[in-house]
C-alpha atoms as a PDB file:
ATOM      1  CA  MET A   1      -5.048  10.117 -12.346  1.00  0.00           C
ATOM      2  CA  GLN A   2      -4.266  13.627 -13.518  1.00  0.00           C
ATOM      3  CA  MET A   3      -1.379  14.210 -15.887  1.00  0.00           C
ATOM      4  CA  VAL A   4       0.868  17.191 -15.139  1.00  0.00           C
ATOM      5  CA  LYS A   5       1.421  19.388 -18.184  1.00  0.00           C
ATOM      6  CA  ASN A   6       4.845  20.923 -18.735  1.00  0.00           C
ATOM      7  CA  ASN A   7       4.230  24.619 -19.355  1.00  0.00           C
ATOM      8  CA  LYS A   8       7.825  25.268 -20.384  1.00  0.00           C
ATOM      9  CA  THR A   9       7.747  23.182 -23.582  1.00  0.00           C
ATOM     10  CA  GLY A  10       6.100  25.933 -25.601  1.00  0.00           C
ATOM     11  CA  GLY A  11       8.759  28.382 -24.495  1.00  0.00           C
ATOM     12  CA  TYR A  12      11.562  26.091 -25.588  1.00  0.00           C
ATOM     13  CA  LEU A  13       9.895  25.641 -28.983  1.00  0.00           C
ATOM     14  CA  PHE A  14       9.567  29.413 -29.425  1.00  0.00           C
ATOM     15  CA  ILE A  15      13.264  29.839 -28.649  1.00  0.00           C
ATOM     16  CA  ALA A  16      14.160  27.076 -31.116  1.00  0.00           C
ATOM     17  CA  SER A  17      12.132  28.766 -33.829  1.00  0.00           C
ATOM     18  CA  GLY A  18      13.845  32.069 -33.018  1.00  0.00           C
ATOM     19  CA  VAL A  19      17.220  30.418 -33.506  1.00  0.00           C
ATOM     20  CA  ALA A  20      15.961  28.993 -36.806  1.00  0.00           C
ATOM     21  CA  PHE A  21      14.959  32.502 -37.911  1.00  0.00           C
ATOM     22  CA  PHE A  22      18.426  33.779 -37.001  1.00  0.00           C
ATOM     23  CA  ALA A  23      19.952  31.004 -39.110  1.00  0.00           C
ATOM     24  CA  ALA A  24      17.632  31.872 -41.994  1.00  0.00           C
ATOM     25  CA  ALA A  25      18.596  35.540 -41.650  1.00  0.00           C
ATOM     26  CA  VAL A  26      22.290  34.717 -41.886  1.00  0.00           C
ATOM     27  CA  LEU A  27      21.975  32.194 -44.707  1.00  0.00           C
ATOM     28  CA  GLY A  28      19.409  34.123 -46.732  1.00  0.00           C
ATOM     29  CA  GLU A  29      20.841  37.560 -45.945  1.00  0.00           C
ATOM     30  CA  GLN A  30      17.386  38.779 -44.912  1.00  0.00           C
ATOM     31  CA  LEU A  31      17.542  41.630 -42.406  1.00  0.00           C
ATOM     32  CA  ALA A  32      13.865  41.357 -41.369  1.00  0.00           C
ATOM     33  CA  PHE A  33      14.329  37.820 -40.041  1.00  0.00           C
ATOM     34  CA  TYR A  34      16.586  39.104 -37.241  1.00  0.00           C
ATOM     35  CA  GLY A  35      13.671  40.999 -35.709  1.00  0.00           C
ATOM     36  CA  VAL A  36      11.322  38.040 -36.035  1.00  0.00           C
ATOM     37  CA  GLY A  37      13.886  35.728 -34.446  1.00  0.00           C
ATOM     38  CA  LEU A  38      14.466  38.143 -31.580  1.00  0.00           C
ATOM     39  CA  MET A  39      10.744  38.415 -30.882  1.00  0.00           C
ATOM     40  CA  PHE A  40      10.362  34.622 -30.841  1.00  0.00           C
ATOM     41  CA  ILE A  41      13.220  34.331 -28.348  1.00  0.00           C
ATOM     42  CA  ILE A  42      11.687  36.996 -26.105  1.00  0.00           C
ATOM     43  CA  LEU A  43       8.301  35.304 -26.326  1.00  0.00           C
ATOM     44  CA  GLY A  44       9.851  31.943 -25.457  1.00  0.00           C
ATOM     45  CA  GLY A  45      11.593  33.417 -22.438  1.00  0.00           C
ATOM     46  CA  THR A  46       8.299  34.864 -21.292  1.00  0.00           C
ATOM     47  CA  PHE A  47       6.577  31.489 -21.622  1.00  0.00           C
ATOM     48  CA  ILE A  48       9.357  29.768 -19.652  1.00  0.00           C
ATOM     49  CA  ARG A  49       9.240  32.389 -16.919  1.00  0.00           C
ATOM     50  CA  LYS A  50       5.471  32.127 -16.717  1.00  0.00           C
ATOM     51  CA  GLY A  51       5.685  28.328 -16.524  1.00  0.00           C
ATOM     52  CA  ALA A  52       8.273  28.449 -13.757  1.00  0.00           C
ATOM     53  CA  SER A  53       6.076  30.617 -11.552  1.00  0.00           C
ATOM     54  CA  GLN A  54       3.107  28.245 -11.658  1.00  0.00           C
END
């Protein structure tokens, strides 16, 4: 029996970490964290889109 792997989970985790970086940027007043958070969200969206096409 073969188990089906969910390819979207990684994307959701990347988006969650991007949101965490945005929260850290607001709370810690660190401007650089906004860019890191944005890149994690973009990367997560790419993973989800890639997983949906398979």
